[in-house]
Amino acid sequence: MIVIADTSPLNYLILIGRADLLPTLFGRVLIPQVVFDELQAAGASAQVRDWTRNIPEWIEVKQTGLSANDSLDLLDAGERAAILLAQELSADLLLLDDKQARQAAVSVGIAITGTLGILDKAARENLIDLKTVVEELQKTSFRISDDLVRKLVEESDKRESREKFLQALNKVPKAEPDEEDKFE
């Protein structure tokens, strides 16, 4: 699976101490050189800059050989490079949060998910408690509506309840009918 990441999802996962979800969920993650540079820039948090000094083995920094077209001009350099790299490598998934960038990626046929999608997938695989991690995310500068948080948590709770019910159902011993109850 080829997964490309933009700056935002990596940044927020690092800030909440959950970047390790990426290799668990996707294996290797590729980032454009521009994204790596943004993570190291003076405007990035010290925690994120520290993370880039000892970049994990599952991250691969890669240059894109494609040039941007006019449709990507409104995006920042990292988003543009991530979309171009995803196109160049025929990526299976592109991780990005910005609404315009997501629309641009989808318009050229690239599958996308963002920080919340990553966390939701991790919760589905029982790697995290979604409510707790979203609360951690809300302590950062990540923008998310209260409505969306409520919907995410409700869906996660429903899935969890359904899974617990199925697990309990599987523990119930299968009973055979008594001889007098059998039809012939």
N, C-alpha and C. Protein backbone atom coordinates (compact mmCIF):
# COMPACT_ATOMS: atom_id res chain seq x y z
N MET A 1 0.85 -1.18 0.00
CA MET A 1 0.00 0.00 0.00
C MET A 1 0.89 1.23 0.00
N ILE A 2 0.62 2.16 -0.92
CA ILE A 2 1.39 3.40 -0.99
C ILE A 2 0.56 4.50 -0.33
N VAL A 3 1.11 5.05 0.75
CA VAL A 3 0.43 6.11 1.51
C VAL A 3 1.33 7.33 1.55
N ILE A 4 0.76 8.46 1.17
CA ILE A 4 1.47 9.74 1.18
C ILE A 4 0.84 10.62 2.25
N ALA A 5 1.67 11.37 2.99
CA ALA A 5 1.13 12.26 4.03
C ALA A 5 1.51 13.70 3.76
N ASP A 6 0.57 14.58 4.02
CA ASP A 6 0.81 16.01 4.05
C ASP A 6 1.23 16.38 5.48
N THR A 7 1.56 17.61 5.67
CA THR A 7 2.08 18.08 6.96
C THR A 7 1.08 17.95 8.10
N SER A 8 -0.15 18.39 7.89
CA SER A 8 -1.13 18.50 8.97
C SER A 8 -1.38 17.21 9.74
N PRO A 9 -1.73 16.10 9.08
CA PRO A 9 -1.97 14.88 9.87
C PRO A 9 -0.74 14.44 10.68
N LEU A 10 0.43 14.51 10.06
CA LEU A 10 1.65 14.15 10.79
C LEU A 10 1.86 15.07 11.98
N ASN A 11 1.73 16.36 11.75
CA ASN A 11 1.91 17.35 12.80
C ASN A 11 1.03 17.06 14.01
N TYR A 12 -0.27 16.85 13.76
CA TYR A 12 -1.19 16.65 14.88
C TYR A 12 -1.00 15.29 15.55
N LEU A 13 -0.69 14.28 14.78
CA LEU A 13 -0.44 12.97 15.39
C LEU A 13 0.81 13.01 16.26
N ILE A 14 1.81 13.74 15.82
CA ILE A 14 3.02 13.90 16.64
C ILE A 14 2.68 14.65 17.92
N LEU A 15 1.91 15.73 17.80
CA LEU A 15 1.57 16.54 18.97
C LEU A 15 0.80 15.77 20.04
N ILE A 16 -0.03 14.82 19.61
CA ILE A 16 -0.79 14.05 20.61
C ILE A 16 -0.12 12.70 20.91
N GLY A 17 1.09 12.53 20.42
CA GLY A 17 1.84 11.32 20.72
C GLY A 17 1.29 10.06 20.06
N ARG A 18 0.67 10.22 18.88
CA ARG A 18 0.04 9.07 18.21
C ARG A 18 0.58 8.83 16.80
N ALA A 19 1.74 9.38 16.47
CA ALA A 19 2.31 9.15 15.14
C ALA A 19 2.56 7.67 14.89
N ASP A 20 2.78 6.91 15.97
CA ASP A 20 3.03 5.47 15.84
C ASP A 20 1.83 4.70 15.29
N LEU A 21 0.67 5.34 15.22
CA LEU A 21 -0.49 4.68 14.61
C LEU A 21 -0.27 4.48 13.11
N LEU A 22 0.47 5.40 12.49
CA LEU A 22 0.64 5.35 11.04
C LEU A 22 1.29 4.06 10.56
N PRO A 23 2.44 3.65 11.10
CA PRO A 23 3.00 2.39 10.61
C PRO A 23 2.14 1.18 10.97
N THR A 24 1.44 1.25 12.07
CA THR A 24 0.55 0.15 12.46
C THR A 24 -0.59 0.01 11.47
N LEU A 25 -1.14 1.14 11.03
CA LEU A 25 -2.27 1.13 10.11
C LEU A 25 -1.87 0.97 8.65
N PHE A 26 -0.74 1.59 8.27
CA PHE A 26 -0.42 1.69 6.86
C PHE A 26 0.96 1.16 6.46
N GLY A 27 1.79 0.81 7.43
CA GLY A 27 3.16 0.42 7.08
C GLY A 27 3.99 1.66 6.83
N ARG A 28 4.67 1.67 5.71
CA ARG A 28 5.53 2.80 5.34
C ARG A 28 4.68 3.98 4.87
N VAL A 29 5.11 5.19 5.23
CA VAL A 29 4.43 6.42 4.81
C VAL A 29 5.45 7.30 4.11
N LEU A 30 5.09 7.77 2.92
CA LEU A 30 5.96 8.65 2.15
C LEU A 30 5.53 10.09 2.36
N ILE A 31 6.52 10.98 2.46
CA ILE A 31 6.22 12.41 2.55
C ILE A 31 7.12 13.15 1.55
N PRO A 32 6.57 14.16 0.90
CA PRO A 32 7.40 14.97 0.02
C PRO A 32 8.45 15.74 0.83
N GLN A 33 9.56 16.07 0.20
CA GLN A 33 10.61 16.85 0.85
C GLN A 33 10.04 18.15 1.42
N VAL A 34 9.12 18.77 0.70
CA VAL A 34 8.51 20.03 1.15
C VAL A 34 7.79 19.83 2.49
N VAL A 35 7.11 18.71 2.65
CA VAL A 35 6.41 18.42 3.91
C VAL A 35 7.42 18.24 5.04
N PHE A 36 8.49 17.52 4.76
CA PHE A 36 9.54 17.35 5.77
C PHE A 36 10.10 18.71 6.18
N ASP A 37 10.32 19.58 5.18
CA ASP A 37 10.83 20.93 5.47
C ASP A 37 9.85 21.72 6.32
N GLU A 38 8.54 21.60 6.05
CA GLU A 38 7.53 22.30 6.85
C GLU A 38 7.54 21.80 8.29
N LEU A 39 7.74 20.50 8.48
CA LEU A 39 7.78 19.94 9.84
C LEU A 39 9.00 20.43 10.61
N GLN A 40 10.06 20.81 9.89
CA GLN A 40 11.29 21.29 10.52
C GLN A 40 11.35 22.81 10.64
N ALA A 41 10.40 23.51 10.02
CA ALA A 41 10.45 24.97 9.96
C ALA A 41 10.32 25.60 11.35
N ALA A 42 10.79 26.81 11.45
CA ALA A 42 10.75 27.54 12.72
C ALA A 42 9.33 27.67 13.26
N GLY A 43 8.33 27.71 12.41
CA GLY A 43 6.95 27.84 12.84
C GLY A 43 6.36 26.56 13.43
N ALA A 44 7.02 25.43 13.21
CA ALA A 44 6.55 24.16 13.77
C ALA A 44 6.88 24.12 15.26
N SER A 45 6.11 23.34 16.00
CA SER A 45 6.36 23.25 17.45
C SER A 45 7.69 22.53 17.70
N ALA A 46 8.26 22.80 18.85
CA ALA A 46 9.52 22.15 19.22
C ALA A 46 9.36 20.64 19.23
N GLN A 47 8.21 20.15 19.67
CA GLN A 47 7.95 18.71 19.71
C GLN A 47 8.02 18.10 18.30
N VAL A 48 7.45 18.78 17.33
CA VAL A 48 7.45 18.30 15.94
C VAL A 48 8.86 18.39 15.36
N ARG A 49 9.54 19.50 15.59
CA ARG A 49 10.93 19.64 15.09
C ARG A 49 11.83 18.57 15.69
N ASP A 50 11.66 18.28 16.98
CA ASP A 50 12.44 17.21 17.62
C ASP A 50 12.17 15.87 16.96
N TRP A 51 10.92 15.60 16.64
CA TRP A 51 10.55 14.34 16.00
C TRP A 51 11.27 14.18 14.67
N THR A 52 11.42 15.28 13.91
CA THR A 52 12.06 15.20 12.60
C THR A 52 13.57 14.98 12.69
N ARG A 53 14.15 15.27 13.84
CA ARG A 53 15.59 15.06 14.00
C ARG A 53 15.95 13.57 14.06
N ASN A 54 14.98 12.77 14.46
CA ASN A 54 15.21 11.32 14.52
C ASN A 54 14.03 10.63 13.83
N ILE A 55 13.91 10.89 12.55
CA ILE A 55 12.76 10.44 11.78
C ILE A 55 12.68 8.91 11.79
N PRO A 56 11.50 8.36 12.05
CA PRO A 56 11.35 6.91 12.12
C PRO A 56 11.61 6.22 10.77
N GLU A 57 11.97 4.95 10.84
CA GLU A 57 12.26 4.17 9.63
C GLU A 57 11.06 4.06 8.70
N TRP A 58 9.87 4.14 9.24
CA TRP A 58 8.67 3.95 8.42
C TRP A 58 8.30 5.18 7.60
N ILE A 59 9.02 6.29 7.80
CA ILE A 59 8.82 7.50 7.00
C ILE A 59 9.89 7.53 5.92
N GLU A 60 9.47 7.78 4.69
CA GLU A 60 10.41 7.96 3.60
C GLU A 60 10.15 9.32 2.97
N VAL A 61 11.20 10.15 2.93
CA VAL A 61 11.11 11.47 2.31
C VAL A 61 11.44 11.32 0.84
N LYS A 62 10.58 11.86 -0.02
CA LYS A 62 10.71 11.66 -1.45
C LYS A 62 10.41 12.95 -2.21
N GLN A 63 11.16 13.21 -3.25
CA GLN A 63 10.90 14.34 -4.13
C GLN A 63 9.87 13.92 -5.18
N THR A 64 9.09 14.85 -5.63
CA THR A 64 8.19 14.57 -6.74
C THR A 64 8.80 15.13 -8.02
N GLY A 65 8.62 14.39 -9.08
CA GLY A 65 9.13 14.84 -10.38
C GLY A 65 8.10 15.58 -11.19
N LEU A 66 6.87 15.67 -10.69
CA LEU A 66 5.79 16.34 -11.42
C LEU A 66 5.76 17.82 -11.10
N SER A 67 5.27 18.60 -12.05
CA SER A 67 5.08 20.04 -11.84
C SER A 67 3.61 20.31 -11.59
N ALA A 68 3.36 21.28 -10.75
CA ALA A 68 1.98 21.63 -10.41
C ALA A 68 1.29 22.31 -11.58
N ASN A 69 -0.01 22.03 -11.70
CA ASN A 69 -0.80 22.76 -12.69
C ASN A 69 -1.58 23.86 -11.98
N ASP A 70 -2.26 24.67 -12.74
CA ASP A 70 -2.97 25.83 -12.19
C ASP A 70 -4.00 25.47 -11.13
N SER A 71 -4.58 24.29 -11.22
CA SER A 71 -5.64 23.91 -10.27
C SER A 71 -5.12 23.76 -8.84
N LEU A 72 -3.82 23.64 -8.68
CA LEU A 72 -3.24 23.48 -7.34
C LEU A 72 -2.62 24.77 -6.81
N ASP A 73 -2.72 25.85 -7.56
CA ASP A 73 -2.07 27.11 -7.17
C ASP A 73 -2.54 27.67 -5.84
N LEU A 74 -3.78 27.42 -5.46
CA LEU A 74 -4.31 27.99 -4.22
C LEU A 74 -3.88 27.22 -2.97
N LEU A 75 -3.26 26.07 -3.17
CA LEU A 75 -2.85 25.24 -2.04
C LEU A 75 -1.46 25.63 -1.57
N ASP A 76 -1.13 25.28 -0.33
CA ASP A 76 0.23 25.56 0.13
C ASP A 76 1.19 24.53 -0.48
N ALA A 77 2.46 24.79 -0.35
CA ALA A 77 3.48 23.98 -1.02
C ALA A 77 3.44 22.51 -0.59
N GLY A 78 3.21 22.25 0.69
CA GLY A 78 3.17 20.87 1.17
C GLY A 78 1.99 20.10 0.60
N GLU A 79 0.84 20.74 0.59
CA GLU A 79 -0.36 20.09 0.03
C GLU A 79 -0.18 19.82 -1.45
N ARG A 80 0.35 20.80 -2.17
CA ARG A 80 0.60 20.66 -3.60
C ARG A 80 1.55 19.48 -3.86
N ALA A 81 2.65 19.46 -3.13
CA ALA A 81 3.65 18.40 -3.33
C ALA A 81 3.09 17.03 -2.96
N ALA A 82 2.28 16.96 -1.91
CA ALA A 82 1.68 15.68 -1.50
C ALA A 82 0.74 15.15 -2.58
N ILE A 83 -0.07 16.03 -3.14
CA ILE A 83 -0.99 15.62 -4.21
C ILE A 83 -0.20 15.17 -5.44
N LEU A 84 0.83 15.93 -5.80
CA LEU A 84 1.64 15.57 -6.98
C LEU A 84 2.36 14.23 -6.77
N LEU A 85 2.90 14.02 -5.57
CA LEU A 85 3.57 12.75 -5.28
C LEU A 85 2.57 11.60 -5.32
N ALA A 86 1.39 11.83 -4.79
CA ALA A 86 0.34 10.80 -4.81
C ALA A 86 -0.03 10.45 -6.25
N GLN A 87 -0.11 11.46 -7.12
CA GLN A 87 -0.40 11.22 -8.53
C GLN A 87 0.74 10.45 -9.19
N GLU A 88 1.95 10.91 -8.94
CA GLU A 88 3.13 10.32 -9.58
C GLU A 88 3.29 8.84 -9.22
N LEU A 89 3.03 8.50 -7.97
CA LEU A 89 3.23 7.12 -7.50
C LEU A 89 1.95 6.29 -7.53
N SER A 90 0.86 6.87 -8.02
CA SER A 90 -0.45 6.19 -8.00
C SER A 90 -0.74 5.68 -6.59
N ALA A 91 -0.64 6.58 -5.64
CA ALA A 91 -0.82 6.23 -4.23
C ALA A 91 -2.21 5.66 -3.97
N ASP A 92 -2.27 4.77 -2.99
CA ASP A 92 -3.53 4.19 -2.57
C ASP A 92 -4.31 5.14 -1.66
N LEU A 93 -3.56 6.00 -0.94
CA LEU A 93 -4.20 6.87 0.03
C LEU A 93 -3.33 8.10 0.27
N LEU A 94 -3.99 9.25 0.39
CA LEU A 94 -3.31 10.50 0.70
C LEU A 94 -3.89 11.03 2.01
N LEU A 95 -3.00 11.33 2.95
CA LEU A 95 -3.41 11.84 4.26
C LEU A 95 -3.29 13.36 4.26
N LEU A 96 -4.42 14.05 4.34
CA LEU A 96 -4.40 15.50 4.41
C LEU A 96 -5.69 16.02 5.00
N ASP A 97 -5.62 17.22 5.61
CA ASP A 97 -6.75 17.78 6.34
C ASP A 97 -7.42 18.96 5.66
N ASP A 98 -6.68 19.79 4.98
CA ASP A 98 -7.21 21.02 4.41
C ASP A 98 -8.34 20.73 3.42
N LYS A 99 -9.46 21.43 3.59
CA LYS A 99 -10.65 21.18 2.78
C LYS A 99 -10.39 21.38 1.28
N GLN A 100 -9.74 22.49 0.90
CA GLN A 100 -9.45 22.73 -0.52
C GLN A 100 -8.52 21.66 -1.08
N ALA A 101 -7.54 21.27 -0.30
CA ALA A 101 -6.59 20.25 -0.76
C ALA A 101 -7.30 18.91 -0.93
N ARG A 102 -8.19 18.60 -0.01
CA ARG A 102 -8.95 17.35 -0.10
C ARG A 102 -9.80 17.34 -1.37
N GLN A 103 -10.46 18.47 -1.65
CA GLN A 103 -11.28 18.57 -2.86
C GLN A 103 -10.42 18.43 -4.12
N ALA A 104 -9.26 19.07 -4.11
CA ALA A 104 -8.36 18.98 -5.27
C ALA A 104 -7.89 17.54 -5.49
N ALA A 105 -7.56 16.85 -4.40
CA ALA A 105 -7.10 15.46 -4.51
C ALA A 105 -8.21 14.56 -5.04
N VAL A 106 -9.39 14.69 -4.49
CA VAL A 106 -10.53 13.87 -4.92
C VAL A 106 -10.85 14.15 -6.39
N SER A 107 -10.72 15.40 -6.82
CA SER A 107 -11.04 15.76 -8.20
C SER A 107 -10.11 15.09 -9.21
N VAL A 108 -8.93 14.66 -8.77
CA VAL A 108 -8.02 13.94 -9.67
C VAL A 108 -7.97 12.45 -9.34
N GLY A 109 -8.95 12.00 -8.56
CA GLY A 109 -9.10 10.56 -8.32
C GLY A 109 -8.23 9.96 -7.23
N ILE A 110 -7.77 10.79 -6.30
CA ILE A 110 -6.93 10.29 -5.22
C ILE A 110 -7.80 10.02 -3.99
N ALA A 111 -7.66 8.83 -3.41
CA ALA A 111 -8.37 8.50 -2.17
C ALA A 111 -7.71 9.26 -1.02
N ILE A 112 -8.54 9.80 -0.14
CA ILE A 112 -8.01 10.63 0.95
C ILE A 112 -8.59 10.23 2.29
N THR A 113 -7.88 10.58 3.32
CA THR A 113 -8.40 10.60 4.69
C THR A 113 -7.57 11.63 5.43
N GLY A 114 -8.11 12.10 6.56
CA GLY A 114 -7.40 13.10 7.34
C GLY A 114 -7.09 12.59 8.73
N THR A 115 -6.71 13.48 9.58
CA THR A 115 -6.35 13.13 10.95
C THR A 115 -7.50 12.38 11.64
N LEU A 116 -8.72 12.89 11.51
CA LEU A 116 -9.86 12.23 12.15
C LEU A 116 -10.13 10.85 11.54
N GLY A 117 -9.96 10.73 10.25
CA GLY A 117 -10.13 9.43 9.59
C GLY A 117 -9.11 8.41 10.07
N ILE A 118 -7.89 8.87 10.28
CA ILE A 118 -6.84 7.99 10.81
C ILE A 118 -7.21 7.52 12.21
N LEU A 119 -7.65 8.47 13.04
CA LEU A 119 -8.03 8.12 14.41
C LEU A 119 -9.24 7.19 14.43
N ASP A 120 -10.19 7.43 13.55
CA ASP A 120 -11.37 6.56 13.47
C ASP A 120 -10.97 5.15 13.06
N LYS A 121 -10.08 5.04 12.08
CA LYS A 121 -9.59 3.72 11.65
C LYS A 121 -8.87 3.02 12.80
N ALA A 122 -8.07 3.76 13.54
CA ALA A 122 -7.36 3.19 14.69
C ALA A 122 -8.34 2.70 15.75
N ALA A 123 -9.41 3.45 15.96
CA ALA A 123 -10.43 3.05 16.93
C ALA A 123 -11.15 1.79 16.45
N ARG A 124 -11.43 1.72 15.15
CA ARG A 124 -12.09 0.53 14.58
C ARG A 124 -11.24 -0.72 14.77
N GLU A 125 -9.93 -0.52 14.78
CA GLU A 125 -9.01 -1.65 14.96
C GLU A 125 -8.61 -1.83 16.42
N ASN A 126 -9.36 -1.17 17.30
CA ASN A 126 -9.15 -1.27 18.76
C ASN A 126 -7.74 -0.88 19.20
N LEU A 127 -7.16 0.09 18.51
CA LEU A 127 -5.83 0.57 18.87
C LEU A 127 -5.89 1.74 19.84
N ILE A 128 -7.02 2.45 19.83
CA ILE A 128 -7.18 3.63 20.69
C ILE A 128 -8.62 3.73 21.17
N ASP A 129 -8.81 4.54 22.20
CA ASP A 129 -10.14 4.94 22.61
C ASP A 129 -10.39 6.29 21.93
N LEU A 130 -11.30 6.30 20.96
CA LEU A 130 -11.49 7.48 20.12
C LEU A 130 -11.82 8.73 20.93
N LYS A 131 -12.71 8.61 21.89
CA LYS A 131 -13.11 9.79 22.68
C LYS A 131 -11.92 10.42 23.38
N THR A 132 -11.10 9.60 24.01
CA THR A 132 -9.93 10.09 24.74
C THR A 132 -8.94 10.78 23.80
N VAL A 133 -8.70 10.17 22.65
CA VAL A 133 -7.71 10.72 21.72
C VAL A 133 -8.24 12.00 21.05
N VAL A 134 -9.52 12.04 20.75
CA VAL A 134 -10.09 13.27 20.18
C VAL A 134 -10.02 14.40 21.21
N GLU A 135 -10.22 14.08 22.47
CA GLU A 135 -10.07 15.10 23.53
C GLU A 135 -8.63 15.63 23.55
N GLU A 136 -7.65 14.75 23.37
CA GLU A 136 -6.24 15.17 23.30
C GLU A 136 -6.04 16.08 22.08
N LEU A 137 -6.63 15.70 20.97
CA LEU A 137 -6.51 16.48 19.74
C LEU A 137 -7.11 17.87 19.90
N GLN A 138 -8.21 17.96 20.62
CA GLN A 138 -8.88 19.25 20.83
C GLN A 138 -8.04 20.21 21.68
N LYS A 139 -7.05 19.70 22.38
CA LYS A 139 -6.16 20.56 23.18
C LYS A 139 -5.10 21.22 22.32
N THR A 140 -5.00 20.80 21.05
CA THR A 140 -4.05 21.41 20.11
C THR A 140 -4.80 22.49 19.33
N SER A 141 -4.18 22.99 18.29
CA SER A 141 -4.82 24.00 17.44
C SER A 141 -5.69 23.38 16.35
N PHE A 142 -5.89 22.07 16.39
CA PHE A 142 -6.73 21.39 15.40
C PHE A 142 -8.15 21.91 15.51
N ARG A 143 -8.73 22.27 14.36
CA ARG A 143 -10.10 22.81 14.35
C ARG A 143 -11.09 21.70 14.00
N ILE A 144 -12.05 21.51 14.90
CA ILE A 144 -13.08 20.50 14.69
C ILE A 144 -14.35 20.98 15.40
N SER A 145 -15.48 20.80 14.74
CA SER A 145 -16.74 21.25 15.34
C SER A 145 -17.18 20.28 16.44
N ASP A 146 -17.88 20.80 17.42
CA ASP A 146 -18.42 19.96 18.49
C ASP A 146 -19.38 18.92 17.93
N ASP A 147 -20.13 19.30 16.88
CA ASP A 147 -21.06 18.37 16.23
C ASP A 147 -20.32 17.16 15.67
N LEU A 148 -19.23 17.43 14.98
CA LEU A 148 -18.46 16.33 14.38
C LEU A 148 -17.86 15.43 15.46
N VAL A 149 -17.36 16.02 16.52
CA VAL A 149 -16.82 15.24 17.63
C VAL A 149 -17.91 14.33 18.20
N ARG A 150 -19.09 14.89 18.43
CA ARG A 150 -20.19 14.11 18.98
C ARG A 150 -20.56 12.95 18.06
N LYS A 151 -20.66 13.22 16.75
CA LYS A 151 -21.01 12.17 15.79
C LYS A 151 -19.95 11.07 15.75
N LEU A 152 -18.69 11.46 15.74
CA LEU A 152 -17.60 10.48 15.73
C LEU A 152 -17.66 9.57 16.96
N VAL A 153 -17.80 10.18 18.11
CA VAL A 153 -17.82 9.43 19.36
C VAL A 153 -19.06 8.53 19.43
N GLU A 154 -20.21 9.05 19.00
CA GLU A 154 -21.44 8.23 19.00
C GLU A 154 -21.28 7.02 18.09
N GLU A 155 -20.73 7.22 16.89
CA GLU A 155 -20.52 6.10 15.96
C GLU A 155 -19.54 5.09 16.55
N SER A 156 -18.50 5.59 17.18
CA SER A 156 -17.52 4.70 17.79
C SER A 156 -18.15 3.90 18.93
N ASP A 157 -18.98 4.57 19.75
CA ASP A 157 -19.66 3.89 20.85
C ASP A 157 -20.61 2.82 20.33
N LYS A 158 -21.33 3.12 19.24
CA LYS A 158 -22.24 2.14 18.64
C LYS A 158 -21.47 0.91 18.15
N ARG A 159 -20.35 1.15 17.48
CA ARG A 159 -19.52 0.03 16.99
C ARG A 159 -19.03 -0.81 18.16
N GLU A 160 -18.58 -0.13 19.21
CA GLU A 160 -18.06 -0.83 20.38
C GLU A 160 -19.15 -1.66 21.04
N SER A 161 -20.34 -1.11 21.18
CA SER A 161 -21.47 -1.85 21.77
C SER A 161 -21.83 -3.06 20.92
N ARG A 162 -21.87 -2.87 19.61
CA ARG A 162 -22.19 -3.96 18.69
C ARG A 162 -21.15 -5.08 18.79
N GLU A 163 -19.86 -4.70 18.87
CA GLU A 163 -18.79 -5.69 18.99
C GLU A 163 -18.90 -6.46 20.31
N LYS A 164 -19.18 -5.76 21.40
CA LYS A 164 -19.33 -6.43 22.69
C LYS A 164 -20.52 -7.40 22.67
N PHE A 165 -21.61 -6.99 22.05
CA PHE A 165 -22.78 -7.86 21.94
C PHE A 165 -22.43 -9.12 21.15
N LEU A 166 -21.75 -8.96 20.03
CA LEU A 166 -21.38 -10.12 19.21
C LEU A 166 -20.41 -11.04 19.95
N GLN A 167 -19.48 -10.46 20.69
CA GLN A 167 -18.56 -11.27 21.48
C GLN A 167 -19.33 -12.07 22.53
N ALA A 168 -20.28 -11.43 23.20
CA ALA A 168 -21.08 -12.11 24.22
C ALA A 168 -21.92 -13.21 23.58
N LEU A 169 -22.47 -12.93 22.42
CA LEU A 169 -23.28 -13.91 21.70
C LEU A 169 -22.46 -15.14 21.32
N ASN A 170 -21.23 -14.92 20.95
CA ASN A 170 -20.35 -16.04 20.58
C ASN A 170 -19.96 -16.90 21.78
N LYS A 171 -20.09 -16.36 22.98
CA LYS A 171 -19.74 -17.11 24.19
C LYS A 171 -20.89 -17.99 24.68
N VAL A 172 -22.09 -17.72 24.17
CA VAL A 172 -23.26 -18.50 24.58
C VAL A 172 -23.13 -19.90 23.97
N PRO A 173 -23.20 -20.94 24.81
CA PRO A 173 -23.05 -22.29 24.27
C PRO A 173 -24.22 -22.63 23.35
N LYS A 174 -23.88 -23.34 22.30
CA LYS A 174 -24.92 -23.77 21.37
C LYS A 174 -25.63 -24.97 22.00
N ALA A 175 -26.94 -24.89 22.05
CA ALA A 175 -27.73 -25.96 22.67
C ALA A 175 -28.41 -26.79 21.59
N GLU A 176 -28.42 -28.06 21.77
CA GLU A 176 -29.15 -28.97 20.89
C GLU A 176 -30.53 -29.19 21.49
N PRO A 177 -31.55 -29.28 20.65
CA PRO A 177 -32.88 -29.53 21.19
C PRO A 177 -32.97 -30.93 21.81
N ASP A 178 -33.83 -31.04 22.84
CA ASP A 178 -34.07 -32.36 23.43
C ASP A 178 -34.72 -33.25 22.38
N GLU A 179 -34.62 -34.57 22.60
CA GLU A 179 -35.18 -35.52 21.64
C GLU A 179 -36.66 -35.28 21.39
N GLU A 180 -37.40 -34.99 22.46
CA GLU A 180 -38.85 -34.80 22.28
C GLU A 180 -39.21 -33.50 21.55
N ASP A 181 -38.22 -32.55 21.45
CA ASP A 181 -38.47 -31.30 20.77
C ASP A 181 -38.11 -31.35 19.28
N LYS A 182 -37.51 -32.43 18.84
CA LYS A 182 -37.10 -32.53 17.43
C LYS A 182 -38.30 -32.88 16.57
N PHE A 183 -38.30 -32.29 15.37
CA PHE A 183 -39.33 -32.61 14.38
C PHE A 183 -38.84 -33.74 13.50
N GLU A 184 -39.76 -34.59 13.13
CA GLU A 184 -39.40 -35.67 12.19
C GLU A 184 -40.19 -35.60 10.97
